[in-house]
Amino acid sequence: MNYIIKSPETEQEWEKYFAFRWKLLRKPWNMPLSSLKDSLENESFHLIALSINNEIVASGRLHFINTKEAQIRYMAVAENIRREGLGSKILFRLEEEARNHGMEKVILNSRNNSIEFYKSLNYSEKSPYHSDTGIPHTRMEKIFT
């Protein structure tokens, strides 16, 4: 299936994007809607993947930590289409954005069940990370050469 990967543009796309993030990443752990956003939303680069039916089926976000390092957060792919390459496509687009801004490294905090996915895309494990979700995470990084 073909998907359109882009940044949310309309108010409706933004609302659907945030609802998708909450549904996949927070709701299963009974976290409130208030846990969905952080103070970096307005200065971040956001991506969504839209299905042929114009439904959001994947997401990811990039923000800049400093002049050399960026962080990827809120990676999510609808469960029924995982392992089709959509997560990799979003990740590559986020990395491309980081490179275009002169970043030398990208970090992320992977849920432990996703570590192998990131390792297959040349991320390396760095240290355990304690998430506000209570779900075990591992800090990972990729250095651009």
Protein backbone atom coordinates (compact mmCIF):
# COMPACT_ATOMS: atom_id res chain seq x y z
CA MET A 1 0.00 0.00 0.00
CA ASN A 2 1.18 3.53 -0.72
CA TYR A 3 1.29 6.19 1.94
CA ILE A 4 1.85 9.93 1.88
CA ILE A 5 4.47 11.07 4.38
CA LYS A 6 4.29 14.75 5.25
CA SER A 7 4.06 17.25 8.05
CA PRO A 8 0.60 17.97 9.45
CA GLU A 9 -0.79 21.11 7.84
CA THR A 10 -4.43 21.70 8.69
CA GLU A 11 -5.96 22.04 12.13
CA GLN A 12 -7.78 18.75 11.49
CA GLU A 13 -4.50 16.96 10.62
CA TRP A 14 -2.88 18.29 13.79
CA GLU A 15 -5.81 17.10 15.89
CA LYS A 16 -5.74 13.66 14.24
CA TYR A 17 -1.94 13.49 14.66
CA PHE A 18 -2.05 14.19 18.38
CA ALA A 19 -4.98 11.77 18.82
CA PHE A 20 -3.00 9.07 16.96
CA ARG A 21 0.07 9.62 19.15
CA TRP A 22 -1.99 9.40 22.32
CA LYS A 23 -3.93 6.34 21.14
CA LEU A 24 -0.80 4.35 20.29
CA LEU A 25 1.77 5.63 22.77
CA ARG A 26 -0.10 6.74 25.91
CA LYS A 27 -3.63 5.37 26.11
CA PRO A 28 -2.58 1.68 26.41
CA TRP A 29 -0.83 2.58 29.68
CA ASN A 30 -3.75 4.62 31.02
CA MET A 31 -1.84 7.87 30.69
CA PRO A 32 -3.90 11.06 30.55
CA LEU A 33 -4.20 13.26 27.47
CA SER A 34 -2.16 15.86 29.35
CA SER A 35 0.89 13.56 29.06
CA LEU A 36 0.76 13.71 25.27
CA LYS A 37 2.54 16.99 24.53
CA ASP A 38 5.69 18.63 25.78
CA SER A 39 7.14 22.14 25.63
CA LEU A 40 8.97 21.45 22.35
CA GLU A 41 5.95 20.79 20.10
CA ASN A 42 5.97 24.22 18.43
CA GLU A 43 9.67 24.12 17.58
CA SER A 44 9.77 20.50 16.40
CA PHE A 45 9.57 18.88 12.98
CA HIS A 46 6.57 16.53 12.83
CA LEU A 47 5.75 13.80 10.30
CA ILE A 48 2.66 11.74 9.68
CA ALA A 49 1.89 8.98 7.21
CA LEU A 50 -1.53 9.09 5.61
CA SER A 51 -3.28 6.05 4.15
CA ILE A 52 -5.26 6.06 0.93
CA ASN A 53 -8.32 6.74 3.16
CA ASN A 54 -6.58 9.84 4.58
CA GLU A 55 -6.13 8.22 8.00
CA ILE A 56 -2.96 8.73 9.99
CA VAL A 57 -1.18 5.39 10.28
CA ALA A 58 2.30 6.45 11.49
CA SER A 59 4.07 9.37 13.12
CA GLY A 60 7.40 10.71 14.30
CA ARG A 61 8.88 13.93 15.64
CA LEU A 62 12.32 15.55 15.63
CA HIS A 63 13.55 18.36 17.84
CA PHE A 64 16.96 19.92 18.25
CA ILE A 65 18.82 19.62 21.54
CA ASN A 66 21.72 21.85 20.57
CA THR A 67 23.63 22.80 17.40
CA LYS A 68 24.94 19.25 16.84
CA GLU A 69 22.40 16.89 18.39
CA ALA A 70 18.73 16.15 17.71
CA GLN A 71 16.23 13.80 19.29
CA ILE A 72 13.53 11.67 17.69
CA ARG A 73 10.37 11.06 19.70
CA TYR A 74 6.82 9.81 19.27
CA MET A 75 7.60 7.18 16.63
CA ALA A 76 4.49 5.08 16.11
CA VAL A 77 3.07 2.83 13.40
CA ALA A 78 -0.44 1.38 13.44
CA GLU A 79 -0.20 -2.22 14.59
CA ASN A 80 -1.89 -3.72 11.53
CA ILE A 81 0.76 -2.35 9.13
CA ARG A 82 3.96 -2.81 11.12
CA ARG A 83 6.93 -4.43 9.37
CA GLU A 84 6.01 -2.94 5.99
CA GLY A 85 8.81 -0.36 6.03
CA LEU A 86 6.77 2.68 6.96
CA GLY A 87 8.56 3.25 10.27
CA SER A 88 11.91 3.16 8.47
CA LYS A 89 10.69 5.70 5.91
CA ILE A 90 9.58 8.12 8.62
CA LEU A 91 12.83 7.61 10.53
CA PHE A 92 14.90 8.30 7.40
CA ARG A 93 12.95 11.50 6.72
CA LEU A 94 13.51 12.67 10.30
CA GLU A 95 17.23 11.88 9.99
CA GLU A 96 17.34 13.78 6.69
CA GLU A 97 15.84 16.81 8.40
CA ALA A 98 18.47 16.54 11.16
CA ARG A 99 21.29 16.34 8.60
CA ASN A 100 19.86 19.33 6.71
CA HIS A 101 20.18 21.32 9.92
CA GLY A 102 23.81 20.31 10.45
CA MET A 103 23.22 17.75 13.17
CA GLU A 104 26.01 15.25 13.80
CA LYS A 105 24.02 12.87 16.00
CA VAL A 106 20.46 11.76 16.63
CA ILE A 107 19.35 10.21 19.90
CA LEU A 108 16.12 8.47 20.82
CA ASN A 109 14.67 6.50 23.70
CA SER A 110 13.46 3.18 22.33
CA ARG A 111 10.96 0.98 24.04
CA ASN A 112 12.81 -2.26 24.65
CA ASN A 113 10.59 -4.15 22.21
CA SER A 114 11.79 -1.82 19.40
CA ILE A 115 15.55 -1.98 20.01
CA GLU A 116 16.20 -4.45 17.20
CA PHE A 117 14.34 -2.20 14.73
CA TYR A 118 16.62 0.73 15.54
CA LYS A 119 19.74 -1.44 15.62
CA SER A 120 18.89 -2.63 12.09
CA LEU A 121 19.03 1.04 11.05
CA ASN A 122 22.48 1.61 12.60
CA TYR A 123 21.49 2.95 16.00
CA SER A 124 23.58 1.82 18.94
CA GLU A 125 22.45 1.15 22.49
CA LYS A 126 23.84 3.58 25.06
CA SER A 127 22.08 3.25 28.43
CA PRO A 128 18.78 2.45 30.13
CA TYR A 129 16.28 5.31 30.10
CA HIS A 130 13.50 5.80 32.65
CA SER A 131 10.40 7.00 30.82
CA ASP A 132 7.43 8.77 32.36
CA THR A 133 5.32 5.93 30.93
CA GLY A 134 6.93 3.37 33.22
CA ILE A 135 7.72 1.24 30.16
CA PRO A 136 11.36 0.10 29.95
CA HIS A 137 13.33 2.14 27.40
CA THR A 138 16.92 2.25 26.18
CA ARG A 139 18.74 5.39 25.07
CA MET A 140 20.08 4.90 21.54
CA GLU A 141 22.05 7.07 19.15
CA LYS A 142 23.17 7.32 15.56
CA ILE A 143 26.20 9.36 14.59
CA PHE A 144 26.22 10.74 11.07
CA THR A 145 29.48 10.28 9.21
